[in-house]
PDB file of N, CA and C in Angstrom:
ATOM      1  N   UNK A   1       1.069  -1.235  -0.081  1.00  0.00           N
ATOM      2  CA  UNK A   1      -0.075   0.166   0.019  1.00  0.00           C
ATOM      3  C   UNK A   1       0.617   1.269  -0.072  1.00  0.00           C
ATOM      4  N   UNK A   2       2.244   1.401   0.472  1.00  0.00           N
ATOM      5  CA  UNK A   2       2.558   2.265   1.154  1.00  0.00           C
ATOM      6  C   UNK A   2       3.282   2.488  -0.518  1.00  0.00           C
ATOM      7  N   UNK A   3       3.801   1.591  -1.544  1.00  0.00           N
ATOM      8  CA  UNK A   3       4.012   1.768  -2.751  1.00  0.00           C
ATOM      9  C   UNK A   3       3.338   2.110  -3.551  1.00  0.00           C
ATOM     10  N   UNK A   4       1.757   2.187  -3.396  1.00  0.00           N
ATOM     11  CA  UNK A   4       0.969   2.901  -3.914  1.00  0.00           C
ATOM     12  C   UNK A   4       1.312   4.298  -4.298  1.00  0.00           C
ATOM     13  N   UNK A   5       0.880   4.611  -2.648  1.00  0.00           N
ATOM     14  CA  UNK A   5       0.842   5.647  -2.211  1.00  0.00           C
ATOM     15  C   UNK A   5       1.939   6.884  -2.711  1.00  0.00           C
ATOM     16  N   UNK A   6       3.403   6.029  -2.917  1.00  0.00           N
ATOM     17  CA  UNK A   6       4.715   6.834  -3.282  1.00  0.00           C
ATOM     18  C   UNK A   6       3.807   6.541  -4.758  1.00  0.00           C
ATOM     19  N   UNK A   7       3.479   6.268  -5.494  1.00  0.00           N
ATOM     20  CA  UNK A   7       3.519   6.332  -6.549  1.00  0.00           C
ATOM     21  C   UNK A   7       2.015   7.218  -7.134  1.00  0.00           C
ATOM     22  N   UNK A   8       0.993   7.526  -6.371  1.00  0.00           N
ATOM     23  CA  UNK A   8      -0.021   8.682  -6.355  1.00  0.00           C
ATOM     24  C   UNK A   8       0.711   9.901  -6.836  1.00  0.00           C
ATOM     25  N   UNK A   9       2.215  10.194  -5.399  1.00  0.00           N
ATOM     26  CA  UNK A   9       2.172  11.390  -4.534  1.00  0.00           C
ATOM     27  C   UNK A   9       3.259  11.648  -6.346  1.00  0.00           C
ATOM     28  N   UNK A  10       3.596  10.733  -6.633  1.00  0.00           N
ATOM     29  CA  UNK A  10       5.196  10.640  -7.856  1.00  0.00           C
ATOM     30  C   UNK A  10       4.051  11.613  -9.084  1.00  0.00           C
ATOM     31  N   UNK A  11       2.712  10.616  -9.145  1.00  0.00           N
ATOM     32  CA  UNK A  11       1.805  10.842 -10.292  1.00  0.00           C
ATOM     33  C   UNK A  11       1.248  12.161 -10.587  1.00  0.00           C
ATOM     34  N   UNK A  12       0.620  12.678  -9.088  1.00  0.00           N
ATOM     35  CA  UNK A  12       0.243  13.753  -8.511  1.00  0.00           C
ATOM     36  C   UNK A  12       1.650  15.269  -8.990  1.00  0.00           C
ATOM     37  N   UNK A  13       3.242  14.949  -8.516  1.00  0.00           N
ATOM     38  CA  UNK A  13       3.836  16.033  -9.117  1.00  0.00           C
ATOM     39  C   UNK A  13       4.647  16.154  -9.739  1.00  0.00           C
ATOM     40  N   UNK A  14       4.823  15.116 -10.754  1.00  0.00           N
ATOM     41  CA  UNK A  14       4.629  15.130 -12.542  1.00  0.00           C
ATOM     42  C   UNK A  14       3.485  15.912 -12.721  1.00  0.00           C
ATOM     43  N   UNK A  15       2.078  15.244 -12.169  1.00  0.00           N
ATOM     44  CA  UNK A  15       0.951  16.688 -12.821  1.00  0.00           C
ATOM     45  C   UNK A  15       0.995  18.373 -13.273  1.00  0.00           C
ATOM     46  N   UNK A  16       1.338  18.175 -11.714  1.00  0.00           N
ATOM     47  CA  UNK A  16       2.015  19.796 -10.936  1.00  0.00           C
ATOM     48  C   UNK A  16       2.904  20.523 -11.869  1.00  0.00           C
ATOM     49  N   UNK A  17       3.935  19.678 -12.191  1.00  0.00           N
ATOM     50  CA  UNK A  17       4.504  19.996 -12.901  1.00  0.00           C
ATOM     51  C   UNK A  17       4.864  20.651 -14.021  1.00  0.00           C
ATOM     52  N   UNK A  18       3.878  19.291 -14.643  1.00  0.00           N
ATOM     53  CA  UNK A  18       3.511  20.037 -16.059  1.00  0.00           C
ATOM     54  C   UNK A  18       2.324  21.046 -16.326  1.00  0.00           C
ATOM     55  N   UNK A  19       1.270  21.462 -14.594  1.00  0.00           N
ATOM     56  CA  UNK A  19       1.059  22.969 -14.810  1.00  0.00           C
ATOM     57  C   UNK A  19       1.630  23.751 -15.107  1.00  0.00           C
ATOM     58  N   UNK A  20       2.577  24.090 -14.199  1.00  0.00           N
ATOM     59  CA  UNK A  20       4.075  24.696 -13.848  1.00  0.00           C
ATOM     60  C   UNK A  20       4.114  25.432 -15.175  1.00  0.00           C
ATOM     61  N   UNK A  21       4.417  24.410 -15.957  1.00  0.00           N
ATOM     62  CA  UNK A  21       5.115  24.234 -17.563  1.00  0.00           C
ATOM     63  C   UNK A  21       3.704  24.660 -18.555  1.00  0.00           C
ATOM     64  N   UNK A  22       3.002  24.679 -17.857  1.00  0.00           N
ATOM     65  CA  UNK A  22       1.454  25.412 -18.747  1.00  0.00           C
ATOM     66  C   UNK A  22       1.284  24.988 -19.913  1.00  0.00           C
ATOM     67  N   UNK A  23       1.403  22.916 -19.771  1.00  0.00           N
ATOM     68  CA  UNK A  23       0.888  21.585 -20.120  1.00  0.00           C
ATOM     69  C   UNK A  23      -0.404  21.964 -19.368  1.00  0.00           C
ATOM     70  N   UNK A  24      -1.202  21.438 -20.373  1.00  0.00           N
ATOM     71  CA  UNK A  24      -2.476  21.070 -20.000  1.00  0.00           C
ATOM     72  C   UNK A  24      -2.221  19.331 -19.689  1.00  0.00           C
ATOM     73  N   UNK A  25      -2.767  19.067 -18.478  1.00  0.00           N
ATOM     74  CA  UNK A  25      -2.905  17.246 -18.506  1.00  0.00           C
ATOM     75  C   UNK A  25      -4.579  17.109 -17.661  1.00  0.00           C
ATOM     76  N   UNK A  26      -3.889  15.148 -17.937  1.00  0.00           N
ATOM     77  CA  UNK A  26      -4.848  15.012 -16.807  1.00  0.00           C
ATOM     78  C   UNK A  26      -4.149  13.428 -16.687  1.00  0.00           C
ATOM     79  N   UNK A  27      -4.885  13.233 -15.234  1.00  0.00           N
ATOM     80  CA  UNK A  27      -4.243  11.068 -15.279  1.00  0.00           C
ATOM     81  C   UNK A  27      -4.647  10.370 -15.325  1.00  0.00           C
ATOM     82  N   UNK A  28      -5.032   9.378 -16.295  1.00  0.00           N
ATOM     83  CA  UNK A  28      -6.209   8.618 -16.346  1.00  0.00           C
ATOM     84  C   UNK A  28      -5.795   6.476 -16.167  1.00  0.00           C
ATOM     85  N   UNK A  29      -5.501   6.507 -15.040  1.00  0.00           N
ATOM     86  CA  UNK A  29      -5.770   5.142 -14.991  1.00  0.00           C
ATOM     87  C   UNK A  29      -5.786   4.088 -15.279  1.00  0.00           C
ATOM     88  N   UNK A  30      -7.173   4.561 -16.692  1.00  0.00           N
ATOM     89  CA  UNK A  30      -7.931   3.707 -17.686  1.00  0.00           C
ATOM     90  C   UNK A  30      -7.630   2.935 -18.696  1.00  0.00           C
ATOM     91  N   UNK A  31      -5.865   4.534 -18.693  1.00  0.00           N
ATOM     92  CA  UNK A  31      -4.718   3.914 -19.922  1.00  0.00           C
ATOM     93  C   UNK A  31      -3.822   3.179 -19.454  1.00  0.00           C
ATOM     94  N   UNK A  32      -3.979   2.651 -17.846  1.00  0.00           N
ATOM     95  CA  UNK A  32      -2.421   2.071 -17.929  1.00  0.00           C
ATOM     96  C   UNK A  32      -3.395   1.170 -17.638  1.00  0.00           C
ATOM     97  N   UNK A  33      -4.414   0.776 -17.311  1.00  0.00           N
ATOM     98  CA  UNK A  33      -5.486  -0.589 -17.154  1.00  0.00           C
ATOM     99  C   UNK A  33      -5.399  -1.058 -18.726  1.00  0.00           C
ATOM    100  N   UNK A  34      -5.602  -0.930 -19.734  1.00  0.00           N
ATOM    101  CA  UNK A  34      -5.244  -0.867 -20.890  1.00  0.00           C
ATOM    102  C   UNK A  34      -4.350  -1.247 -21.128  1.00  0.00           C
ATOM    103  N   UNK A  35      -3.024  -0.776 -21.250  1.00  0.00           N
ATOM    104  CA  UNK A  35      -1.955  -1.073 -21.070  1.00  0.00           C
ATOM    105  C   UNK A  35      -1.545  -2.245 -20.220  1.00  0.00           C
ATOM    106  N   UNK A  36      -1.708  -2.363 -19.318  1.00  0.00           N
ATOM    107  CA  UNK A  36      -1.770  -3.491 -18.979  1.00  0.00           C
ATOM    108  C   UNK A  36      -2.050  -4.977 -19.440  1.00  0.00           C
ATOM    109  N   UNK A  37      -3.242  -4.686 -19.192  1.00  0.00           N
ATOM    110  CA  UNK A  37      -3.740  -5.951 -20.138  1.00  0.00           C
ATOM    111  C   UNK A  37      -3.583  -6.476 -21.659  1.00  0.00           C
ATOM    112  N   UNK A  38      -2.818  -4.795 -22.181  1.00  0.00           N
ATOM    113  CA  UNK A  38      -2.381  -6.009 -23.539  1.00  0.00           C
ATOM    114  C   UNK A  38      -1.232  -6.355 -23.070  1.00  0.00           C
ATOM    115  N   UNK A  39      -0.625  -5.976 -22.626  1.00  0.00           N
ATOM    116  CA  UNK A  39       0.633  -6.995 -22.676  1.00  0.00           C
ATOM    117  C   UNK A  39       1.810  -5.967 -23.065  1.00  0.00           C
ATOM    118  N   UNK A  40       1.500  -4.771 -22.799  1.00  0.00           N
ATOM    119  CA  UNK A  40       2.653  -3.010 -22.580  1.00  0.00           C
ATOM    120  C   UNK A  40       3.439  -3.133 -22.150  1.00  0.00           C
ATOM    121  N   UNK A  41       3.066  -3.309 -20.784  1.00  0.00           N
ATOM    122  CA  UNK A  41       3.673  -2.799 -19.821  1.00  0.00           C
ATOM    123  C   UNK A  41       3.527  -3.788 -19.054  1.00  0.00           C
ATOM    124  N   UNK A  42       4.464  -4.363 -17.776  1.00  0.00           N
ATOM    125  CA  UNK A  42       4.172  -5.811 -17.200  1.00  0.00           C
ATOM    126  C   UNK A  42       5.203  -4.896 -15.407  1.00  0.00           C
ATOM    127  N   UNK A  43       3.466  -4.836 -15.514  1.00  0.00           N
ATOM    128  CA  UNK A  43       3.473  -3.987 -13.458  1.00  0.00           C
ATOM    129  C   UNK A  43       2.172  -3.935 -13.172  1.00  0.00           C
ATOM    130  N   UNK A  44       2.473  -4.023 -11.744  1.00  0.00           N
ATOM    131  CA  UNK A  44       1.568  -4.059 -10.877  1.00  0.00           C
ATOM    132  C   UNK A  44       0.872  -2.816 -10.392  1.00  0.00           C
ATOM    133  N   UNK A  45       0.489  -1.696 -10.838  1.00  0.00           N
ATOM    134  CA  UNK A  45       0.326  -0.158 -11.264  1.00  0.00           C
ATOM    135  C   UNK A  45       0.426  -0.139 -12.417  1.00  0.00           C
ATOM    136  N   UNK A  46      -0.539   0.914 -13.069  1.00  0.00           N
ATOM    137  CA  UNK A  46       0.343   2.146 -14.261  1.00  0.00           C
ATOM    138  C   UNK A  46      -0.921   3.180 -14.272  1.00  0.00           C
ATOM    139  N   UNK A  47      -0.175   3.966 -14.114  1.00  0.00           N
ATOM    140  CA  UNK A  47      -1.735   5.333 -14.478  1.00  0.00           C
ATOM    141  C   UNK A  47      -0.711   6.173 -15.735  1.00  0.00           C
ATOM    142  N   UNK A  48      -1.329   6.452 -16.702  1.00  0.00           N
ATOM    143  CA  UNK A  48      -0.764   7.369 -17.750  1.00  0.00           C
ATOM    144  C   UNK A  48      -1.908   8.675 -17.557  1.00  0.00           C
ATOM    145  N   UNK A  49      -1.089   9.109 -18.188  1.00  0.00           N
ATOM    146  CA  UNK A  49      -1.366  10.960 -18.405  1.00  0.00           C
ATOM    147  C   UNK A  49      -1.113  11.733 -19.219  1.00  0.00           C
ATOM    148  N   UNK A  50      -2.341  12.107 -19.246  1.00  0.00           N
ATOM    149  CA  UNK A  50      -2.802  12.620 -21.330  1.00  0.00           C
ATOM    150  C   UNK A  50      -2.467  14.284 -21.037  1.00  0.00           C
ATOM    151  N   UNK A  51      -1.394  14.640 -21.605  1.00  0.00           N
ATOM    152  CA  UNK A  51      -0.370  15.970 -22.136  1.00  0.00           C
ATOM    153  C   UNK A  51      -1.255  16.742 -23.191  1.00  0.00           C
ATOM    154  N   UNK A  52      -1.189  17.734 -22.799  1.00  0.00           N
ATOM    155  CA  UNK A  52      -1.697  18.668 -24.434  1.00  0.00           C
ATOM    156  C   UNK A  52      -0.627  20.177 -24.242  1.00  0.00           C
ATOM    157  N   UNK A  53      -0.096  20.476 -25.671  1.00  0.00           N
ATOM    158  CA  UNK A  53       0.026  21.799 -25.403  1.00  0.00           C
ATOM    159  C   UNK A  53      -1.164  22.794 -26.418  1.00  0.00           C
ATOM    160  N   UNK A  54      -1.254  22.454 -26.485  1.00  0.00           N
ATOM    161  CA  UNK A  54      -2.755  22.857 -27.117  1.00  0.00           C
ATOM    162  C   UNK A  54      -3.677  24.132 -27.422  1.00  0.00           C
ATOM    163  N   UNK A  55      -3.706  25.438 -27.983  1.00  0.00           N
ATOM    164  CA  UNK A  55      -4.701  26.380 -27.786  1.00  0.00           C
ATOM    165  C   UNK A  55      -5.787  26.332 -26.929  1.00  0.00           C
ATOM    166  N   UNK A  56      -6.530  25.490 -26.690  1.00  0.00           N
ATOM    167  CA  UNK A  56      -7.444  25.024 -26.044  1.00  0.00           C
ATOM    168  C   UNK A  56      -7.291  23.991 -24.866  1.00  0.00           C
ATOM    169  N   UNK A  57      -7.933  24.279 -23.820  1.00  0.00           N
ATOM    170  CA  UNK A  57      -7.534  22.340 -23.212  1.00  0.00           C
ATOM    171  C   UNK A  57      -8.124  21.546 -23.599  1.00  0.00           C
ATOM    172  N   UNK A  58      -8.127  20.634 -23.627  1.00  0.00           N
ATOM    173  CA  UNK A  58      -8.756  19.617 -24.247  1.00  0.00           C
ATOM    174  C   UNK A  58     -10.135  19.191 -23.257  1.00  0.00           C
ATOM    175  N   UNK A  59      -9.396  19.158 -22.585  1.00  0.00           N
ATOM    176  CA  UNK A  59      -9.313  17.886 -21.308  1.00  0.00           C
ATOM    177  C   UNK A  59     -11.182  19.062 -20.419  1.00  0.00           C
ATOM    178  N   UNK A  60     -11.183  20.135 -20.577  1.00  0.00           N
ATOM    179  CA  UNK A  60     -12.614  19.964 -20.032  1.00  0.00           C
ATOM    180  C   UNK A  60     -12.808  21.232 -20.850  1.00  0.00           C
ATOM    181  N   UNK A  61     -13.208  20.980 -22.767  1.00  0.00           N
ATOM    182  CA  UNK A  61     -13.646  21.774 -22.834  1.00  0.00           C
ATOM    183  C   UNK A  61     -14.614  21.592 -23.440  1.00  0.00           C
ATOM    184  N   UNK A  62     -16.084  21.043 -23.223  1.00  0.00           N
ATOM    185  CA  UNK A  62     -17.430  20.544 -23.153  1.00  0.00           C
ATOM    186  C   UNK A  62     -18.167  20.630 -24.256  1.00  0.00           C
ATOM    187  N   UNK A  63     -17.282  21.347 -25.523  1.00  0.00           N
ATOM    188  CA  UNK A  63     -18.406  20.921 -26.912  1.00  0.00           C
ATOM    189  C   UNK A  63     -18.392  20.178 -27.439  1.00  0.00           C
TER     190      UNK A  63
END
């Protein structure tokens, strides 16, 4: 459980750093789950961090 907590802190820090650099981001667990099921990565816990450097924030635009 401590390793998962450490992983969560590290992912949060990476997302915060991306925000500091004006990079829109979103942490997605299902991306990591898909990578694990497909055999792309061999790990117990995988998170995906989606990044965008477009003019609009694609993660919050509801149009």
